[in-house]
N, C-alpha and C. Protein backbone atom coordinates (compact mmCIF):
# COMPACT_ATOMS: atom_id res chain seq x y z
N MET A 1 27.00 124.84 212.80
CA MET A 1 27.72 123.81 213.50
C MET A 1 27.58 122.46 212.80
N LYS A 2 26.35 122.17 212.34
CA LYS A 2 26.14 120.92 211.63
C LYS A 2 26.94 120.90 210.34
N ALA A 3 27.03 122.03 209.72
CA ALA A 3 27.75 122.11 208.45
C ALA A 3 29.22 121.79 208.66
N ILE A 4 29.78 122.23 209.80
CA ILE A 4 31.20 121.97 210.08
C ILE A 4 31.41 120.47 210.33
N LYS A 5 30.46 119.83 211.07
CA LYS A 5 30.57 118.39 211.31
C LYS A 5 30.56 117.61 210.00
N TYR A 6 29.61 117.97 209.13
CA TYR A 6 29.53 117.29 207.84
C TYR A 6 30.78 117.52 207.00
N LEU A 7 31.33 118.72 207.08
CA LEU A 7 32.54 119.02 206.34
C LEU A 7 33.72 118.22 206.87
N ILE A 8 33.81 118.07 208.20
CA ILE A 8 34.89 117.28 208.79
C ILE A 8 34.73 115.81 208.41
N ILE A 9 33.52 115.29 208.51
CA ILE A 9 33.28 113.88 208.17
C ILE A 9 33.60 113.63 206.69
N LEU A 10 33.19 114.53 205.85
CA LEU A 10 33.46 114.41 204.43
C LEU A 10 34.95 114.46 204.15
N SER A 11 35.65 115.36 204.80
CA SER A 11 37.11 115.48 204.60
C SER A 11 37.83 114.23 205.07
N VAL A 12 37.44 113.67 206.23
CA VAL A 12 38.08 112.47 206.76
C VAL A 12 37.79 111.29 205.81
N THR A 13 36.57 111.18 205.32
CA THR A 13 36.21 110.09 204.41
C THR A 13 37.02 110.17 203.12
N VAL A 14 37.15 111.35 202.56
CA VAL A 14 37.93 111.52 201.33
C VAL A 14 39.38 111.16 201.60
N PHE A 15 39.93 111.58 202.73
CA PHE A 15 41.32 111.29 203.08
C PHE A 15 41.54 109.79 203.24
N ILE A 16 40.62 109.10 203.89
CA ILE A 16 40.77 107.66 204.12
C ILE A 16 40.73 106.90 202.79
N PHE A 17 39.74 107.22 201.94
CA PHE A 17 39.62 106.50 200.67
C PHE A 17 40.74 106.84 199.69
N SER A 18 41.26 108.06 199.75
CA SER A 18 42.35 108.40 198.83
C SER A 18 43.66 107.82 199.30
N ALA A 19 43.77 107.48 200.58
CA ALA A 19 45.00 106.89 201.10
C ALA A 19 45.07 105.39 200.82
N CYS A 20 43.97 104.78 200.39
CA CYS A 20 43.97 103.35 200.09
C CYS A 20 44.85 103.07 198.87
N THR A 21 45.51 101.94 198.92
CA THR A 21 46.33 101.56 197.77
C THR A 21 45.55 100.60 196.89
N LYS A 22 45.81 100.67 195.61
CA LYS A 22 45.16 99.77 194.67
C LYS A 22 45.98 98.50 194.58
N GLN A 23 45.28 97.39 194.37
CA GLN A 23 45.98 96.13 194.21
C GLN A 23 46.54 96.03 192.81
N ILE A 24 47.71 95.44 192.71
CA ILE A 24 48.34 95.22 191.42
C ILE A 24 47.83 93.89 190.89
N ALA A 25 47.59 93.84 189.56
CA ALA A 25 47.07 92.62 188.93
C ALA A 25 48.05 91.47 189.11
N GLY A 26 47.52 90.28 189.28
CA GLY A 26 48.34 89.09 189.44
C GLY A 26 48.94 88.65 188.12
N PRO A 27 49.67 87.57 188.15
CA PRO A 27 50.30 87.08 186.93
C PRO A 27 49.26 86.58 185.92
N THR A 28 49.63 86.60 184.65
CA THR A 28 48.75 86.14 183.58
C THR A 28 48.55 84.64 183.68
N GLY A 29 47.32 84.21 183.52
CA GLY A 29 47.01 82.79 183.59
C GLY A 29 47.35 82.07 182.30
N PRO A 30 47.15 80.76 182.28
CA PRO A 30 47.46 79.98 181.07
C PRO A 30 46.48 80.31 179.95
N ALA A 31 46.91 80.08 178.72
CA ALA A 31 46.05 80.33 177.55
C ALA A 31 44.89 79.35 177.54
N GLY A 32 43.78 79.77 176.99
CA GLY A 32 42.60 78.92 176.90
C GLY A 32 42.75 77.89 175.78
N ALA A 33 41.79 77.02 175.70
CA ALA A 33 41.81 75.96 174.69
C ALA A 33 41.61 76.56 173.30
N GLN A 34 42.18 75.91 172.29
CA GLN A 34 42.04 76.35 170.89
C GLN A 34 40.58 76.23 170.48
N GLY A 35 40.04 77.27 169.83
CA GLY A 35 38.67 77.25 169.36
C GLY A 35 38.53 76.41 168.10
N PRO A 36 37.30 76.15 167.68
CA PRO A 36 37.08 75.33 166.48
C PRO A 36 37.53 76.08 165.22
N GLN A 37 37.92 75.32 164.20
CA GLN A 37 38.34 75.89 162.93
C GLN A 37 37.12 76.46 162.22
N GLY A 38 37.20 77.71 161.80
CA GLY A 38 36.11 78.35 161.07
C GLY A 38 36.13 77.95 159.61
N PRO A 39 35.12 78.38 158.86
CA PRO A 39 35.09 78.02 157.45
C PRO A 39 36.24 78.69 156.70
N SER A 40 36.78 78.01 155.73
CA SER A 40 37.87 78.58 154.96
C SER A 40 37.37 78.96 153.59
N SER A 41 37.96 79.98 153.04
CA SER A 41 37.63 80.38 151.68
C SER A 41 38.91 80.85 151.01
N SER A 42 38.88 80.88 149.71
CA SER A 42 40.01 81.38 148.95
C SER A 42 39.47 82.10 147.74
N TYR A 43 40.34 82.82 147.06
CA TYR A 43 39.87 83.51 145.87
C TYR A 43 40.83 83.28 144.71
N LYS A 44 40.29 83.36 143.52
CA LYS A 44 41.05 83.21 142.29
C LYS A 44 40.70 84.40 141.40
N VAL A 45 41.68 84.86 140.64
CA VAL A 45 41.47 85.99 139.73
C VAL A 45 41.82 85.55 138.32
N ILE A 46 40.93 85.84 137.40
CA ILE A 46 41.13 85.52 135.99
C ILE A 46 40.96 86.81 135.19
N VAL A 47 41.88 87.09 134.29
CA VAL A 47 41.78 88.26 133.43
C VAL A 47 41.62 87.78 131.99
N ASP A 48 40.67 88.35 131.28
CA ASP A 48 40.42 87.98 129.89
C ASP A 48 40.20 89.26 129.09
N SER A 49 40.38 89.16 127.79
CA SER A 49 40.12 90.32 126.92
C SER A 49 39.02 89.97 125.94
N ILE A 50 38.23 90.96 125.57
CA ILE A 50 37.14 90.78 124.61
C ILE A 50 37.40 91.70 123.43
N GLN A 51 37.57 91.12 122.28
CA GLN A 51 37.77 91.88 121.04
C GLN A 51 36.40 92.30 120.50
N PRO A 52 36.32 93.39 119.74
CA PRO A 52 35.02 93.83 119.21
C PRO A 52 34.28 92.77 118.40
N VAL A 53 34.99 91.93 117.69
CA VAL A 53 34.33 90.93 116.84
C VAL A 53 33.83 89.72 117.64
N GLN A 54 34.15 89.64 118.91
CA GLN A 54 33.77 88.48 119.72
C GLN A 54 32.39 88.60 120.37
N TRP A 55 31.76 89.75 120.29
CA TRP A 55 30.43 89.93 120.88
C TRP A 55 29.38 89.22 120.03
N THR A 56 28.40 88.62 120.68
CA THR A 56 27.29 87.95 120.01
C THR A 56 26.02 88.75 120.24
N LEU A 57 25.27 88.99 119.16
CA LEU A 57 24.01 89.73 119.26
C LEU A 57 22.99 88.88 119.99
N ASN A 58 22.36 89.48 120.98
CA ASN A 58 21.36 88.78 121.77
C ASN A 58 19.96 89.28 121.45
N GLY A 59 19.85 90.27 120.60
CA GLY A 59 18.56 90.84 120.24
C GLY A 59 18.25 92.09 121.03
N GLY A 60 17.51 93.00 120.40
CA GLY A 60 17.09 94.21 121.10
C GLY A 60 18.23 95.14 121.48
N GLY A 61 19.33 95.10 120.75
CA GLY A 61 20.46 95.98 121.06
C GLY A 61 21.31 95.50 122.20
N SER A 62 21.20 94.23 122.58
CA SER A 62 22.05 93.70 123.64
C SER A 62 22.99 92.65 123.06
N PHE A 63 24.18 92.59 123.64
CA PHE A 63 25.22 91.68 123.18
C PHE A 63 25.78 90.93 124.39
N TYR A 64 26.38 89.78 124.13
CA TYR A 64 27.01 89.04 125.22
C TYR A 64 28.30 88.40 124.74
N TYR A 65 29.14 88.11 125.70
CA TYR A 65 30.39 87.38 125.46
C TYR A 65 30.49 86.35 126.56
N THR A 66 30.68 85.08 126.20
CA THR A 66 30.73 84.00 127.17
C THR A 66 32.17 83.58 127.42
N ILE A 67 32.53 83.51 128.68
CA ILE A 67 33.84 83.00 129.09
C ILE A 67 33.58 81.63 129.71
N SER A 68 34.11 80.59 129.04
CA SER A 68 33.86 79.23 129.50
C SER A 68 34.95 78.31 128.99
N PRO A 69 35.39 77.37 129.74
CA PRO A 69 35.08 77.16 131.15
C PRO A 69 35.90 78.12 132.02
N VAL A 70 35.30 78.54 133.09
CA VAL A 70 35.99 79.39 134.05
C VAL A 70 36.49 78.49 135.18
N PRO A 71 37.81 78.33 135.29
CA PRO A 71 38.33 77.47 136.37
C PRO A 71 37.88 77.99 137.74
N TYR A 72 37.71 77.09 138.64
CA TYR A 72 37.36 77.37 140.04
C TYR A 72 35.90 77.75 140.24
N LEU A 73 35.17 78.04 139.16
CA LEU A 73 33.76 78.39 139.30
C LEU A 73 32.95 77.11 139.18
N THR A 74 32.44 76.65 140.32
CA THR A 74 31.71 75.39 140.32
C THR A 74 30.22 75.69 140.34
N THR A 75 29.58 75.49 141.45
CA THR A 75 28.14 75.76 141.51
C THR A 75 27.90 77.15 142.06
N SER A 76 26.83 77.75 141.60
CA SER A 76 26.50 79.12 142.01
C SER A 76 26.27 79.23 143.50
N ASN A 77 25.86 78.14 144.13
CA ASN A 77 25.55 78.18 145.56
C ASN A 77 26.79 78.28 146.44
N PHE A 78 27.97 77.95 145.90
CA PHE A 78 29.16 77.91 146.74
C PHE A 78 30.23 78.90 146.30
N ASN A 79 29.91 79.83 145.42
CA ASN A 79 30.87 80.80 144.95
C ASN A 79 30.29 82.21 145.03
N ILE A 80 31.18 83.16 145.20
CA ILE A 80 30.84 84.57 145.06
C ILE A 80 31.66 85.06 143.89
N VAL A 81 31.01 85.72 142.94
CA VAL A 81 31.69 86.17 141.73
C VAL A 81 31.54 87.68 141.61
N GLU A 82 32.66 88.34 141.36
CA GLU A 82 32.67 89.77 141.08
C GLU A 82 33.40 89.96 139.76
N VAL A 83 32.91 90.87 138.92
CA VAL A 83 33.52 91.11 137.62
C VAL A 83 33.81 92.61 137.50
N TYR A 84 34.97 92.92 136.94
CA TYR A 84 35.42 94.29 136.73
C TYR A 84 35.84 94.44 135.27
N TYR A 85 35.79 95.67 134.75
CA TYR A 85 36.24 95.89 133.37
C TYR A 85 37.23 97.05 133.34
N SER A 86 38.05 97.05 132.30
CA SER A 86 38.99 98.13 132.05
C SER A 86 39.22 98.24 130.56
N LEU A 87 39.64 99.41 130.12
CA LEU A 87 39.98 99.60 128.71
C LEU A 87 41.47 99.44 128.48
N THR A 88 42.23 99.33 129.56
CA THR A 88 43.67 99.12 129.45
C THR A 88 44.07 97.97 130.36
N LEU A 89 45.28 97.50 130.15
CA LEU A 89 45.80 96.42 130.97
C LEU A 89 47.21 96.78 131.37
N GLY A 90 47.59 96.45 132.57
CA GLY A 90 48.93 96.76 133.05
C GLY A 90 48.88 97.34 134.44
N THR A 91 50.00 97.82 134.90
CA THR A 91 50.10 98.31 136.28
C THR A 91 49.32 99.59 136.50
N THR A 92 49.03 100.34 135.44
CA THR A 92 48.29 101.60 135.60
C THR A 92 46.81 101.45 135.25
N ALA A 93 46.37 100.24 134.94
CA ALA A 93 44.97 100.02 134.56
C ALA A 93 44.04 100.23 135.74
N THR A 94 42.90 100.82 135.46
CA THR A 94 41.86 101.00 136.46
C THR A 94 40.69 100.12 136.08
N PHE A 95 40.28 99.25 136.99
CA PHE A 95 39.16 98.35 136.75
C PHE A 95 37.94 98.87 137.51
N TYR A 96 36.78 98.81 136.84
CA TYR A 96 35.52 99.28 137.41
C TYR A 96 34.59 98.09 137.60
N GLU A 97 33.89 98.08 138.73
CA GLU A 97 33.03 96.95 139.06
C GLU A 97 31.75 96.96 138.22
N LEU A 98 31.33 95.77 137.78
CA LEU A 98 30.07 95.61 137.07
C LEU A 98 28.98 95.28 138.08
N PRO A 99 27.74 95.66 137.85
CA PRO A 99 27.22 96.36 136.68
C PRO A 99 27.56 97.85 136.73
N ILE A 100 27.61 98.45 135.53
CA ILE A 100 27.91 99.86 135.41
C ILE A 100 27.21 100.43 134.19
N SER A 101 26.74 101.65 134.30
CA SER A 101 26.11 102.34 133.18
C SER A 101 27.07 103.41 132.67
N ASN A 102 26.87 103.83 131.44
CA ASN A 102 27.71 104.86 130.81
C ASN A 102 29.18 104.45 130.84
N ALA A 103 29.44 103.19 130.63
CA ALA A 103 30.81 102.67 130.69
C ALA A 103 31.59 103.01 129.43
N LEU A 104 31.03 102.70 128.29
CA LEU A 104 31.72 102.92 127.02
C LEU A 104 31.05 104.01 126.18
N ALA A 105 29.78 104.24 126.44
CA ALA A 105 29.02 105.27 125.71
C ALA A 105 27.88 105.73 126.61
N ALA A 106 27.32 106.88 126.28
CA ALA A 106 26.20 107.40 127.07
C ALA A 106 25.02 106.43 126.97
N ASN A 107 24.40 106.15 128.08
CA ASN A 107 23.21 105.30 128.19
C ASN A 107 23.45 103.83 127.87
N ASP A 108 24.68 103.36 127.95
CA ASP A 108 24.92 101.93 127.77
C ASP A 108 24.91 101.25 129.13
N ASN A 109 24.98 99.94 129.12
CA ASN A 109 24.99 99.17 130.36
C ASN A 109 25.90 97.96 130.18
N LEU A 110 26.81 97.76 131.11
CA LEU A 110 27.72 96.62 131.10
C LEU A 110 27.45 95.82 132.37
N ASP A 111 27.14 94.54 132.21
CA ASP A 111 26.72 93.72 133.33
C ASP A 111 27.26 92.30 133.14
N PHE A 112 26.92 91.40 134.05
CA PHE A 112 27.35 90.01 133.93
C PHE A 112 26.38 89.09 134.63
N ASN A 113 26.45 87.81 134.29
CA ASN A 113 25.78 86.77 135.06
C ASN A 113 26.67 85.53 135.00
N TYR A 114 26.41 84.58 135.85
CA TYR A 114 27.24 83.38 135.89
C TYR A 114 26.45 82.17 136.33
N SER A 115 26.97 81.01 135.93
CA SER A 115 26.44 79.73 136.39
C SER A 115 27.62 78.76 136.36
N ASN A 116 27.36 77.48 136.40
CA ASN A 116 28.43 76.49 136.50
C ASN A 116 29.48 76.67 135.40
N TYR A 117 30.68 77.07 135.79
CA TYR A 117 31.83 77.20 134.89
C TYR A 117 31.67 78.23 133.78
N ILE A 118 30.66 79.08 133.82
CA ILE A 118 30.41 80.05 132.76
C ILE A 118 30.19 81.43 133.36
N VAL A 119 30.82 82.45 132.74
CA VAL A 119 30.53 83.84 133.06
C VAL A 119 30.16 84.52 131.75
N ASN A 120 29.01 85.20 131.73
CA ASN A 120 28.56 85.95 130.57
C ASN A 120 28.74 87.43 130.86
N ILE A 121 29.41 88.13 129.95
CA ILE A 121 29.51 89.57 130.03
C ILE A 121 28.43 90.12 129.12
N LEU A 122 27.59 91.02 129.64
CA LEU A 122 26.44 91.53 128.91
C LEU A 122 26.63 93.01 128.61
N TYR A 123 26.35 93.39 127.37
CA TYR A 123 26.46 94.80 126.98
C TYR A 123 25.18 95.22 126.28
N THR A 124 24.55 96.27 126.79
CA THR A 124 23.30 96.76 126.22
C THR A 124 23.53 98.16 125.65
N PHE A 125 23.37 98.25 124.35
CA PHE A 125 23.52 99.50 123.61
C PHE A 125 23.10 99.19 122.18
N GLY A 126 23.01 100.17 121.33
CA GLY A 126 22.58 99.93 119.96
C GLY A 126 23.56 99.10 119.15
N THR A 127 24.85 99.21 119.45
CA THR A 127 25.87 98.45 118.72
C THR A 127 26.83 97.81 119.72
N ALA A 128 27.57 96.82 119.24
CA ALA A 128 28.57 96.16 120.10
C ALA A 128 29.72 97.12 120.35
N PRO A 129 30.46 96.91 121.43
CA PRO A 129 31.63 97.76 121.69
C PRO A 129 32.61 97.72 120.51
N SER A 130 33.20 98.87 120.22
CA SER A 130 34.12 98.96 119.09
C SER A 130 35.58 98.94 119.53
N GLN A 131 35.82 98.65 120.78
CA GLN A 131 37.19 98.61 121.30
C GLN A 131 37.38 97.37 122.18
N GLU A 132 38.63 97.02 122.38
CA GLU A 132 38.95 95.87 123.22
C GLU A 132 38.64 96.21 124.68
N ILE A 133 38.06 95.25 125.39
CA ILE A 133 37.71 95.41 126.81
C ILE A 133 38.39 94.29 127.57
N TYR A 134 38.94 94.64 128.72
CA TYR A 134 39.55 93.64 129.60
C TYR A 134 38.61 93.42 130.77
N VAL A 135 38.39 92.17 131.12
CA VAL A 135 37.56 91.84 132.27
C VAL A 135 38.38 91.06 133.28
N LYS A 136 38.16 91.39 134.52
CA LYS A 136 38.81 90.68 135.63
C LYS A 136 37.70 90.00 136.41
N ILE A 137 37.79 88.69 136.52
CA ILE A 137 36.80 87.90 137.23
C ILE A 137 37.42 87.44 138.54
N VAL A 138 36.77 87.78 139.64
CA VAL A 138 37.23 87.37 140.96
C VAL A 138 36.25 86.35 141.50
N ILE A 139 36.75 85.16 141.79
CA ILE A 139 35.91 84.08 142.29
C ILE A 139 36.32 83.78 143.73
N ILE A 140 35.38 83.91 144.63
CA ILE A 140 35.63 83.58 146.04
C ILE A 140 34.94 82.26 146.30
N THR A 141 35.75 81.25 146.60
CA THR A 141 35.20 79.91 146.83
C THR A 141 34.97 79.70 148.31
N GLN A 142 33.94 78.97 148.62
CA GLN A 142 33.60 78.64 149.99
C GLN A 142 33.41 77.14 150.10
N PRO A 143 33.69 76.59 151.25
CA PRO A 143 33.54 75.12 151.40
C PRO A 143 32.08 74.71 151.33
């Protein structure tokens, strides 16, 4: 008997709550105030080529090539610099991010460093590269 009472109460409760209608959302309010302007940044891309005769011996089987002045590259504290290399140039060229090993020969290393208005491309191997290399320098400036 108690079970029937509970079943009736439960059924009536479910019926009452399922018969309730949901309220429809009101109209959209006005837009909020404009937020503060965030920091802005921009980027610049420079492509350069390095001929085999342009490498300078740095000692110990390492070579470097200096690109200077590099426009848009000011102080190291306010720029982000990424460098990529390719053996070809054009719409089908594939650029690889530096640093990279085994780029031109087994056990070689191609890297870079930068400072005010200068980017150095570094190559570590027994001899300088014997082919033309294209480098793409991406500079992200920050305020």
